[in-house]
Amino acid sequence: MSMWNRRKDDDYAPRPAQVPSTPVESAMEGIPLSTMSAKSLETDAARGAATIGKSVSLKGQIFSREDLIVDGEVDGSIELAEHRLTVGPNGKVNAGVKAREIIVLGTILGNVEAGDRIEIRKEARLVGDIKTARIVIEDGAYFKGSIDVIRPEPAKTAAPARAQSASAGASVATMPASVLPGNGGR
């Protein structure tokens, strides 16, 4: 072979089949991508939690029928009657809050009412009055306000039984004096 007809081995090397680009390659190409992985999107959807991101600021009233994660700023009121509110580490809530369960990792300035329980984690701040059935305040958390521990209302089926036992006790107390022991058997 002459030097002009020489071919490089690279020209005949098998080329890899076209593979769809990875998210990193797509990002480098300028194609916008979601910052959340598909797996985390699935778990959030399955869990049914709405999220207020750390770059979001809301003013007003929030009513939700699903769990809520606040990592941004909220001014106003938040009500999640039968659900959980989580204030993330970047979350700043300047509002009255009512929820079944409240977990504080960030800051809440306002009165808080949790039907079941409230947790104030290590780096959290809560300034306001608390009304709840159960409470956990970790070492290192900041809390200023009052705590009112409420007892859950007993089931309605237990109330009539308690009324019957009270009326039975009343009937014993109203027995004639002649029947009571120590009265000489009159």
N, C-alpha and C. Protein backbone atom coordinates (compact mmCIF):
# COMPACT_ATOMS: atom_id res chain seq x y z
N MET A 1 0.82 -1.17 0.00
CA MET A 1 0.00 0.00 0.00
C MET A 1 0.87 1.24 0.00
N SER A 2 0.40 2.17 -0.67
CA SER A 2 1.16 3.41 -0.68
C SER A 2 0.74 4.27 0.49
N MET A 3 1.53 5.26 0.74
CA MET A 3 1.21 6.11 1.88
C MET A 3 -0.06 6.90 1.64
N TRP A 4 -0.47 7.06 0.39
CA TRP A 4 -1.69 7.80 0.09
C TRP A 4 -2.93 6.94 0.29
N ASN A 5 -2.79 5.65 0.23
CA ASN A 5 -3.94 4.76 0.37
C ASN A 5 -4.05 4.18 1.77
N ARG A 6 -3.19 4.60 2.64
CA ARG A 6 -3.24 4.09 4.01
C ARG A 6 -4.51 4.57 4.72
N ARG A 7 -5.16 3.67 5.39
CA ARG A 7 -6.38 4.05 6.13
C ARG A 7 -6.12 3.86 7.62
N LYS A 8 -6.72 4.71 8.38
CA LYS A 8 -6.57 4.59 9.83
C LYS A 8 -7.47 3.49 10.34
N ASP A 9 -7.03 2.82 11.37
CA ASP A 9 -7.85 1.78 11.98
C ASP A 9 -9.13 2.37 12.59
N ASP A 10 -9.05 3.65 12.97
CA ASP A 10 -10.20 4.31 13.58
C ASP A 10 -11.39 4.39 12.62
N ASP A 11 -11.07 4.52 11.32
CA ASP A 11 -12.15 4.65 10.35
C ASP A 11 -13.01 3.40 10.28
N TYR A 12 -12.43 2.26 10.62
CA TYR A 12 -13.16 1.00 10.53
C TYR A 12 -13.64 0.48 11.88
N ALA A 13 -13.33 1.21 12.95
CA ALA A 13 -13.77 0.76 14.28
C ALA A 13 -15.28 0.85 14.37
N PRO A 14 -15.91 -0.14 15.00
CA PRO A 14 -17.37 -0.07 15.11
C PRO A 14 -17.80 1.11 15.97
N ARG A 15 -18.78 1.79 15.51
CA ARG A 15 -19.28 2.95 16.25
C ARG A 15 -20.42 2.50 17.16
N PRO A 16 -20.52 3.10 18.38
CA PRO A 16 -21.61 2.71 19.28
C PRO A 16 -22.96 3.15 18.71
N ALA A 17 -23.95 2.35 19.01
CA ALA A 17 -25.31 2.69 18.57
C ALA A 17 -25.75 3.96 19.28
N GLN A 18 -26.66 4.69 18.65
CA GLN A 18 -27.15 5.92 19.25
C GLN A 18 -27.94 5.58 20.51
N VAL A 19 -27.52 6.15 21.63
CA VAL A 19 -28.16 5.93 22.92
C VAL A 19 -28.84 7.23 23.31
N PRO A 20 -30.06 7.15 23.82
CA PRO A 20 -30.71 8.39 24.26
C PRO A 20 -29.83 9.11 25.27
N SER A 21 -29.84 10.42 25.19
CA SER A 21 -28.97 11.19 26.08
C SER A 21 -29.44 11.09 27.52
N THR A 22 -28.49 11.15 28.43
CA THR A 22 -28.78 11.10 29.86
C THR A 22 -29.20 12.48 30.32
N PRO A 23 -29.79 12.59 31.51
CA PRO A 23 -30.19 13.92 32.00
C PRO A 23 -29.02 14.90 32.08
N VAL A 24 -27.83 14.41 32.44
CA VAL A 24 -26.68 15.30 32.54
C VAL A 24 -26.31 15.82 31.16
N GLU A 25 -26.31 14.92 30.15
CA GLU A 25 -25.99 15.35 28.80
C GLU A 25 -27.05 16.32 28.29
N SER A 26 -28.32 16.05 28.58
CA SER A 26 -29.39 16.94 28.13
C SER A 26 -29.26 18.31 28.77
N ALA A 27 -28.89 18.34 30.03
CA ALA A 27 -28.72 19.61 30.72
C ALA A 27 -27.59 20.40 30.08
N MET A 28 -26.54 19.68 29.65
CA MET A 28 -25.42 20.35 29.01
C MET A 28 -25.82 20.88 27.64
N GLU A 29 -26.79 20.23 27.01
CA GLU A 29 -27.26 20.68 25.71
C GLU A 29 -28.25 21.83 25.83
N GLY A 30 -28.65 22.20 27.04
CA GLY A 30 -29.57 23.31 27.24
C GLY A 30 -31.02 22.91 27.27
N ILE A 31 -31.33 21.61 27.36
CA ILE A 31 -32.72 21.16 27.43
C ILE A 31 -33.15 21.24 28.88
N PRO A 32 -34.24 21.97 29.20
CA PRO A 32 -34.66 22.09 30.60
C PRO A 32 -35.13 20.76 31.17
N LEU A 33 -34.76 20.50 32.41
CA LEU A 33 -35.14 19.27 33.09
C LEU A 33 -35.72 19.59 34.46
N SER A 34 -36.52 18.68 34.96
CA SER A 34 -37.01 18.80 36.33
C SER A 34 -35.85 18.53 37.28
N THR A 35 -35.80 19.25 38.39
CA THR A 35 -34.73 19.03 39.36
C THR A 35 -35.04 17.87 40.28
N MET A 36 -36.27 17.37 40.24
CA MET A 36 -36.64 16.25 41.10
C MET A 36 -36.55 14.97 40.29
N SER A 37 -36.07 13.93 40.92
CA SER A 37 -36.00 12.65 40.23
C SER A 37 -37.40 12.08 40.07
N ALA A 38 -37.56 11.19 39.12
CA ALA A 38 -38.86 10.58 38.88
C ALA A 38 -39.32 9.81 40.11
N LYS A 39 -38.38 9.19 40.80
CA LYS A 39 -38.72 8.41 41.98
C LYS A 39 -39.30 9.31 43.08
N SER A 40 -38.69 10.49 43.33
CA SER A 40 -39.20 11.36 44.38
C SER A 40 -40.55 11.95 43.98
N LEU A 41 -40.76 12.19 42.69
CA LEU A 41 -42.07 12.67 42.24
C LEU A 41 -43.14 11.63 42.51
N GLU A 42 -42.82 10.36 42.27
CA GLU A 42 -43.78 9.29 42.52
C GLU A 42 -44.11 9.18 44.00
N THR A 43 -43.11 9.28 44.88
CA THR A 43 -43.38 9.14 46.31
C THR A 43 -44.18 10.32 46.82
N ASP A 44 -43.92 11.54 46.34
CA ASP A 44 -44.71 12.69 46.76
C ASP A 44 -46.16 12.55 46.30
N ALA A 45 -46.35 12.08 45.08
CA ALA A 45 -47.71 11.91 44.57
C ALA A 45 -48.44 10.83 45.35
N ALA A 46 -47.75 9.74 45.66
CA ALA A 46 -48.37 8.65 46.41
C ALA A 46 -48.71 9.10 47.82
N ARG A 47 -47.87 9.92 48.41
CA ARG A 47 -48.08 10.41 49.75
C ARG A 47 -49.14 11.51 49.76
N GLY A 48 -49.32 12.20 48.67
CA GLY A 48 -50.33 13.24 48.60
C GLY A 48 -49.93 14.52 49.30
N ALA A 49 -48.66 14.89 49.26
CA ALA A 49 -48.19 16.10 49.94
C ALA A 49 -47.97 17.21 48.93
N ALA A 50 -48.54 18.37 49.20
CA ALA A 50 -48.29 19.55 48.39
C ALA A 50 -47.07 20.25 48.97
N THR A 51 -46.32 20.95 48.12
CA THR A 51 -45.09 21.60 48.58
C THR A 51 -45.07 23.05 48.16
N ILE A 52 -44.68 23.91 49.11
CA ILE A 52 -44.41 25.32 48.82
C ILE A 52 -42.90 25.45 48.89
N GLY A 53 -42.26 25.62 47.75
CA GLY A 53 -40.81 25.63 47.64
C GLY A 53 -40.16 26.81 48.34
N LYS A 54 -38.84 26.72 48.52
CA LYS A 54 -38.13 27.74 49.29
C LYS A 54 -38.07 29.09 48.58
N SER A 55 -38.36 29.15 47.30
CA SER A 55 -38.35 30.44 46.61
C SER A 55 -39.75 31.03 46.47
N VAL A 56 -40.74 30.40 47.13
CA VAL A 56 -42.14 30.85 47.03
C VAL A 56 -42.54 31.61 48.29
N SER A 57 -43.24 32.72 48.09
CA SER A 57 -43.76 33.52 49.20
C SER A 57 -45.26 33.73 48.99
N LEU A 58 -46.06 33.36 50.00
CA LEU A 58 -47.52 33.47 49.90
C LEU A 58 -48.07 34.35 51.01
N LYS A 59 -49.11 35.13 50.68
CA LYS A 59 -49.82 35.91 51.67
C LYS A 59 -51.29 35.59 51.53
N GLY A 60 -51.92 35.18 52.64
CA GLY A 60 -53.34 34.86 52.59
C GLY A 60 -53.67 33.63 53.39
N GLN A 61 -54.79 32.99 53.04
CA GLN A 61 -55.26 31.81 53.75
C GLN A 61 -55.01 30.58 52.90
N ILE A 62 -54.53 29.52 53.57
CA ILE A 62 -54.33 28.24 52.90
C ILE A 62 -55.22 27.21 53.58
N PHE A 63 -56.08 26.57 52.80
CA PHE A 63 -56.90 25.45 53.25
C PHE A 63 -56.49 24.27 52.39
N SER A 64 -56.17 23.15 53.01
CA SER A 64 -55.72 22.00 52.23
C SER A 64 -56.38 20.72 52.71
N ARG A 65 -56.63 19.82 51.77
CA ARG A 65 -57.16 18.50 52.10
C ARG A 65 -56.10 17.43 51.87
N GLU A 66 -54.84 17.84 51.92
CA GLU A 66 -53.72 16.92 51.82
C GLU A 66 -52.58 17.46 52.66
N ASP A 67 -51.58 16.63 52.91
CA ASP A 67 -50.41 17.06 53.67
C ASP A 67 -49.74 18.22 52.94
N LEU A 68 -49.10 19.09 53.70
CA LEU A 68 -48.46 20.27 53.12
C LEU A 68 -47.06 20.42 53.68
N ILE A 69 -46.11 20.68 52.80
CA ILE A 69 -44.73 20.95 53.19
C ILE A 69 -44.44 22.40 52.81
N VAL A 70 -44.07 23.22 53.79
CA VAL A 70 -43.75 24.62 53.54
C VAL A 70 -42.26 24.82 53.72
N ASP A 71 -41.57 25.12 52.63
CA ASP A 71 -40.14 25.42 52.72
C ASP A 71 -39.89 26.86 52.29
N GLY A 72 -40.96 27.58 51.97
CA GLY A 72 -40.87 28.99 51.60
C GLY A 72 -41.44 29.85 52.72
N GLU A 73 -42.06 30.99 52.35
CA GLU A 73 -42.62 31.91 53.34
C GLU A 73 -44.13 32.00 53.18
N VAL A 74 -44.84 31.96 54.32
CA VAL A 74 -46.30 32.08 54.32
C VAL A 74 -46.69 33.10 55.38
N ASP A 75 -47.50 34.10 54.99
CA ASP A 75 -48.08 35.08 55.92
C ASP A 75 -49.59 34.94 55.83
N GLY A 76 -50.26 34.72 56.96
CA GLY A 76 -51.72 34.61 56.96
C GLY A 76 -52.19 33.52 57.87
N SER A 77 -52.86 32.50 57.30
CA SER A 77 -53.32 31.37 58.11
C SER A 77 -53.23 30.09 57.28
N ILE A 78 -53.02 28.98 58.00
CA ILE A 78 -52.94 27.67 57.37
C ILE A 78 -53.87 26.74 58.12
N GLU A 79 -54.73 26.03 57.38
CA GLU A 79 -55.64 25.08 58.00
C GLU A 79 -55.66 23.78 57.22
N LEU A 80 -55.24 22.70 57.90
CA LEU A 80 -55.22 21.35 57.32
C LEU A 80 -55.92 20.46 58.34
N ALA A 81 -57.23 20.44 58.34
CA ALA A 81 -58.02 19.80 59.40
C ALA A 81 -57.57 18.38 59.74
N GLU A 82 -57.39 17.53 58.78
CA GLU A 82 -57.07 16.13 59.05
C GLU A 82 -55.73 15.72 58.45
N HIS A 83 -54.81 16.68 58.30
CA HIS A 83 -53.55 16.36 57.63
C HIS A 83 -52.35 16.95 58.36
N ARG A 84 -51.16 16.65 57.83
CA ARG A 84 -49.90 17.05 58.46
C ARG A 84 -49.31 18.27 57.77
N LEU A 85 -48.83 19.20 58.59
CA LEU A 85 -48.07 20.35 58.09
C LEU A 85 -46.63 20.15 58.50
N THR A 86 -45.73 20.24 57.54
CA THR A 86 -44.30 20.19 57.84
C THR A 86 -43.70 21.51 57.40
N VAL A 87 -43.09 22.22 58.35
CA VAL A 87 -42.39 23.45 58.02
C VAL A 87 -40.93 23.07 57.86
N GLY A 88 -40.43 23.11 56.64
CA GLY A 88 -39.08 22.68 56.33
C GLY A 88 -38.02 23.59 56.94
N PRO A 89 -36.76 23.21 56.82
CA PRO A 89 -35.67 23.98 57.43
C PRO A 89 -35.57 25.41 56.90
N ASN A 90 -36.01 25.66 55.67
CA ASN A 90 -35.99 27.02 55.12
C ASN A 90 -37.33 27.72 55.29
N GLY A 91 -38.33 27.02 55.83
CA GLY A 91 -39.68 27.55 55.95
C GLY A 91 -39.81 28.62 57.01
N LYS A 92 -40.57 29.67 56.67
CA LYS A 92 -40.88 30.76 57.61
C LYS A 92 -42.38 31.00 57.53
N VAL A 93 -43.08 30.65 58.61
CA VAL A 93 -44.53 30.79 58.64
C VAL A 93 -44.89 31.84 59.68
N ASN A 94 -45.52 32.92 59.22
CA ASN A 94 -46.01 33.97 60.10
C ASN A 94 -47.53 33.90 60.02
N ALA A 95 -48.09 32.91 60.73
CA ALA A 95 -49.50 32.62 60.55
C ALA A 95 -50.05 31.82 61.72
N GLY A 96 -51.35 31.86 61.87
CA GLY A 96 -52.04 30.95 62.76
C GLY A 96 -52.16 29.62 62.03
N VAL A 97 -51.91 28.52 62.74
CA VAL A 97 -51.87 27.21 62.09
C VAL A 97 -52.79 26.24 62.82
N LYS A 98 -53.59 25.49 62.05
CA LYS A 98 -54.42 24.40 62.57
C LYS A 98 -54.19 23.19 61.69
N ALA A 99 -53.78 22.06 62.30
CA ALA A 99 -53.58 20.83 61.55
C ALA A 99 -53.69 19.65 62.49
N ARG A 100 -53.80 18.46 61.93
CA ARG A 100 -53.83 17.26 62.77
C ARG A 100 -52.46 17.04 63.39
N GLU A 101 -51.42 17.20 62.60
CA GLU A 101 -50.05 16.98 63.06
C GLU A 101 -49.17 18.08 62.48
N ILE A 102 -48.25 18.61 63.28
CA ILE A 102 -47.36 19.68 62.83
C ILE A 102 -45.93 19.30 63.18
N ILE A 103 -45.06 19.37 62.18
CA ILE A 103 -43.63 19.12 62.40
C ILE A 103 -42.90 20.40 61.99
N VAL A 104 -42.13 20.96 62.93
CA VAL A 104 -41.45 22.22 62.69
C VAL A 104 -39.95 21.99 62.61
N LEU A 105 -39.37 22.31 61.46
CA LEU A 105 -37.93 22.28 61.26
C LEU A 105 -37.41 23.70 61.05
N GLY A 106 -38.29 24.60 60.66
CA GLY A 106 -37.94 25.99 60.39
C GLY A 106 -38.50 26.91 61.46
N THR A 107 -39.26 27.94 61.05
CA THR A 107 -39.75 28.96 61.97
C THR A 107 -41.26 29.14 61.83
N ILE A 108 -41.94 29.19 62.97
CA ILE A 108 -43.37 29.57 63.00
C ILE A 108 -43.51 30.71 64.00
N LEU A 109 -44.13 31.80 63.56
CA LEU A 109 -44.48 32.92 64.43
C LEU A 109 -46.00 33.01 64.40
N GLY A 110 -46.65 32.50 65.45
CA GLY A 110 -48.11 32.50 65.49
C GLY A 110 -48.61 31.36 66.35
N ASN A 111 -49.88 31.43 66.68
CA ASN A 111 -50.49 30.38 67.51
C ASN A 111 -50.71 29.12 66.68
N VAL A 112 -50.53 27.98 67.34
CA VAL A 112 -50.56 26.69 66.67
C VAL A 112 -51.52 25.77 67.39
N GLU A 113 -52.36 25.06 66.61
CA GLU A 113 -53.27 24.08 67.19
C GLU A 113 -53.14 22.78 66.41
N ALA A 114 -52.71 21.73 67.11
CA ALA A 114 -52.54 20.42 66.48
C ALA A 114 -53.49 19.44 67.16
N GLY A 115 -54.38 18.84 66.40
CA GLY A 115 -55.36 17.90 66.95
C GLY A 115 -54.70 16.67 67.55
N ASP A 116 -53.61 16.20 66.95
CA ASP A 116 -52.94 15.00 67.43
C ASP A 116 -51.62 15.32 68.13
N ARG A 117 -50.65 15.90 67.39
CA ARG A 117 -49.36 16.18 68.02
C ARG A 117 -48.58 17.23 67.26
N ILE A 118 -47.57 17.76 67.95
CA ILE A 118 -46.65 18.73 67.36
C ILE A 118 -45.23 18.34 67.74
N GLU A 119 -44.33 18.45 66.79
CA GLU A 119 -42.90 18.21 67.04
C GLU A 119 -42.14 19.48 66.68
N ILE A 120 -41.31 19.95 67.62
CA ILE A 120 -40.44 21.08 67.34
C ILE A 120 -39.03 20.52 67.34
N ARG A 121 -38.44 20.44 66.18
CA ARG A 121 -37.15 19.78 66.02
C ARG A 121 -35.99 20.67 66.45
N LYS A 122 -34.81 20.10 66.44
CA LYS A 122 -33.59 20.67 67.00
C LYS A 122 -33.30 22.12 66.58
N GLU A 123 -33.35 22.44 65.34
CA GLU A 123 -32.98 23.78 64.85
C GLU A 123 -34.20 24.70 64.68
N ALA A 124 -35.37 24.27 65.10
CA ALA A 124 -36.61 25.00 64.84
C ALA A 124 -36.83 26.14 65.83
N ARG A 125 -37.71 27.09 65.42
CA ARG A 125 -38.14 28.21 66.27
C ARG A 125 -39.65 28.29 66.20
N LEU A 126 -40.28 28.37 67.37
CA LEU A 126 -41.72 28.58 67.42
C LEU A 126 -42.01 29.62 68.49
N VAL A 127 -42.62 30.72 68.08
CA VAL A 127 -43.02 31.78 69.00
C VAL A 127 -44.54 31.91 68.88
N GLY A 128 -45.24 31.47 69.93
CA GLY A 128 -46.70 31.51 69.92
C GLY A 128 -47.24 30.47 70.87
N ASP A 129 -48.54 30.49 71.06
CA ASP A 129 -49.18 29.55 71.97
C ASP A 129 -49.50 28.25 71.24
N ILE A 130 -49.37 27.15 71.98
CA ILE A 130 -49.61 25.82 71.41
C ILE A 130 -50.78 25.17 72.12
N LYS A 131 -51.65 24.54 71.33
CA LYS A 131 -52.75 23.75 71.86
C LYS A 131 -52.69 22.41 71.16
N THR A 132 -52.43 21.33 71.91
CA THR A 132 -52.26 20.02 71.30
C THR A 132 -52.49 18.90 72.31
N ALA A 133 -52.64 17.68 71.81
CA ALA A 133 -52.78 16.52 72.68
C ALA A 133 -51.42 15.97 73.08
N ARG A 134 -50.44 16.02 72.17
CA ARG A 134 -49.09 15.52 72.45
C ARG A 134 -48.08 16.49 71.88
N ILE A 135 -46.92 16.60 72.57
CA ILE A 135 -45.89 17.54 72.11
C ILE A 135 -44.50 16.96 72.32
N VAL A 136 -43.60 17.25 71.37
CA VAL A 136 -42.20 16.87 71.48
C VAL A 136 -41.38 18.11 71.16
N ILE A 137 -40.51 18.51 72.08
CA ILE A 137 -39.59 19.62 71.85
C ILE A 137 -38.18 19.08 72.02
N GLU A 138 -37.43 19.02 70.92
CA GLU A 138 -36.08 18.47 70.97
C GLU A 138 -35.11 19.47 71.59
N ASP A 139 -34.00 18.95 72.14
CA ASP A 139 -32.94 19.80 72.65
C ASP A 139 -32.42 20.69 71.53
N GLY A 140 -32.23 21.96 71.83
CA GLY A 140 -31.73 22.90 70.83
C GLY A 140 -32.83 23.68 70.14
N ALA A 141 -34.08 23.27 70.29
CA ALA A 141 -35.20 24.00 69.68
C ALA A 141 -35.50 25.24 70.51
N TYR A 142 -36.05 26.28 69.86
CA TYR A 142 -36.43 27.50 70.56
C TYR A 142 -37.94 27.59 70.58
N PHE A 143 -38.50 27.75 71.78
CA PHE A 143 -39.95 27.90 71.92
C PHE A 143 -40.23 28.98 72.93
N LYS A 144 -41.14 29.89 72.58
CA LYS A 144 -41.60 30.93 73.51
C LYS A 144 -43.10 31.04 73.36
N GLY A 145 -43.80 30.78 74.47
CA GLY A 145 -45.26 30.84 74.46
C GLY A 145 -45.81 29.92 75.52
N SER A 146 -47.08 29.64 75.43
CA SER A 146 -47.71 28.74 76.40
C SER A 146 -48.13 27.45 75.71
N ILE A 147 -48.27 26.41 76.52
CA ILE A 147 -48.69 25.11 76.00
C ILE A 147 -49.95 24.69 76.72
N ASP A 148 -50.98 24.35 75.97
CA ASP A 148 -52.22 23.84 76.52
C ASP A 148 -52.38 22.42 76.00
N VAL A 149 -52.17 21.45 76.89
CA VAL A 149 -52.31 20.05 76.49
C VAL A 149 -53.77 19.67 76.67
N ILE A 150 -54.39 19.28 75.58
CA ILE A 150 -55.81 18.91 75.60
C ILE A 150 -55.95 17.40 75.56
N ARG A 151 -56.98 16.91 76.17
CA ARG A 151 -57.27 15.48 76.12
C ARG A 151 -58.22 15.25 74.96
N PRO A 152 -57.95 14.21 74.19
CA PRO A 152 -58.89 13.91 73.11
C PRO A 152 -60.25 13.56 73.69
N GLU A 153 -61.32 14.00 73.04
CA GLU A 153 -62.66 13.72 73.53
C GLU A 153 -62.93 12.22 73.46
N PRO A 154 -63.52 11.65 74.53
CA PRO A 154 -63.81 10.22 74.51
C PRO A 154 -64.85 9.90 73.45
N ALA A 155 -64.85 8.67 73.03
CA ALA A 155 -65.82 8.23 72.01
C ALA A 155 -67.24 8.40 72.55
N LYS A 156 -68.19 8.67 71.68
CA LYS A 156 -69.56 8.93 72.11
C LYS A 156 -70.22 7.69 72.72
N THR A 157 -69.73 6.50 72.40
CA THR A 157 -70.31 5.29 72.98
C THR A 157 -69.93 5.15 74.45
N ALA A 158 -68.81 5.73 74.85
CA ALA A 158 -68.37 5.65 76.25
C ALA A 158 -69.17 6.60 77.13
N ALA A 159 -69.67 7.69 76.58
CA ALA A 159 -70.40 8.68 77.38
C ALA A 159 -71.68 8.11 77.99
N PRO A 160 -72.53 7.38 77.27
CA PRO A 160 -73.74 6.83 77.90
C PRO A 160 -73.40 5.82 79.00
N ALA A 161 -72.37 5.02 78.84
CA ALA A 161 -71.99 4.06 79.88
C ALA A 161 -71.58 4.79 81.15
N ARG A 162 -70.86 5.90 80.99
CA ARG A 162 -70.44 6.68 82.14
C ARG A 162 -71.66 7.29 82.83
N ALA A 163 -72.66 7.73 82.08
CA ALA A 163 -73.88 8.31 82.66
C ALA A 163 -74.66 7.25 83.42
N GLN A 164 -74.69 6.01 82.90
CA GLN A 164 -75.39 4.94 83.60
C GLN A 164 -74.73 4.62 84.91
N SER A 165 -73.40 4.55 84.93
CA SER A 165 -72.71 4.24 86.19
C SER A 165 -72.88 5.37 87.19
N ALA A 166 -72.95 6.60 86.72
CA ALA A 166 -73.16 7.73 87.64
C ALA A 166 -74.57 7.66 88.23
N SER A 167 -75.56 7.30 87.43
CA SER A 167 -76.93 7.23 87.94
C SER A 167 -77.07 6.03 88.89
N ALA A 168 -76.32 4.96 88.62
CA ALA A 168 -76.37 3.81 89.53
C ALA A 168 -75.78 4.19 90.88
N GLY A 169 -74.71 4.97 90.88
CA GLY A 169 -74.10 5.43 92.14
C GLY A 169 -75.06 6.32 92.91
N ALA A 170 -75.82 7.12 92.18
CA ALA A 170 -76.77 8.02 92.83
C ALA A 170 -77.88 7.22 93.49
N SER A 171 -78.30 6.13 92.88
CA SER A 171 -79.39 5.36 93.46
C SER A 171 -78.94 4.65 94.74
N VAL A 172 -77.67 4.28 94.82
CA VAL A 172 -77.15 3.65 96.04
C VAL A 172 -77.15 4.66 97.18
N ALA A 173 -76.81 5.89 96.87
CA ALA A 173 -76.73 6.92 97.90
C ALA A 173 -78.12 7.30 98.41
N THR A 174 -79.15 7.07 97.65
CA THR A 174 -80.49 7.46 98.07
C THR A 174 -81.27 6.32 98.71
N MET A 175 -80.60 5.24 99.09
CA MET A 175 -81.30 4.14 99.76
C MET A 175 -81.82 4.61 101.11
N PRO A 176 -82.90 4.04 101.56
CA PRO A 176 -83.41 4.43 102.88
C PRO A 176 -82.40 4.13 103.97
N ALA A 177 -82.36 4.96 104.98
CA ALA A 177 -81.39 4.81 106.07
C ALA A 177 -81.58 3.50 106.80
N SER A 178 -82.76 2.95 106.82
CA SER A 178 -83.00 1.71 107.56
C SER A 178 -82.29 0.53 106.92
N VAL A 179 -81.98 0.59 105.61
CA VAL A 179 -81.33 -0.53 104.94
C VAL A 179 -79.82 -0.47 105.11
N LEU A 180 -79.27 0.72 105.31
CA LEU A 180 -77.82 0.86 105.39
C LEU A 180 -77.27 0.18 106.65
N PRO A 181 -76.14 -0.49 106.57
CA PRO A 181 -75.56 -1.15 107.74
C PRO A 181 -75.20 -0.14 108.81
N GLY A 182 -75.28 -0.56 110.06
CA GLY A 182 -74.91 0.30 111.18
C GLY A 182 -76.04 1.17 111.66
N ASN A 183 -77.25 0.99 111.13
CA ASN A 183 -78.38 1.78 111.54
C ASN A 183 -79.27 1.00 112.49
N GLY A 184 -78.82 -0.07 112.97
CA GLY A 184 -79.57 -0.82 113.96
C GLY A 184 -80.72 -1.61 113.36
N GLY A 185 -80.79 -1.80 112.09
CA GLY A 185 -81.79 -2.64 111.45
C GLY A 185 -83.19 -2.07 111.51
N ARG A 186 -83.37 -0.81 111.54
CA ARG A 186 -84.68 -0.20 111.58
C ARG A 186 -85.45 -0.48 110.42
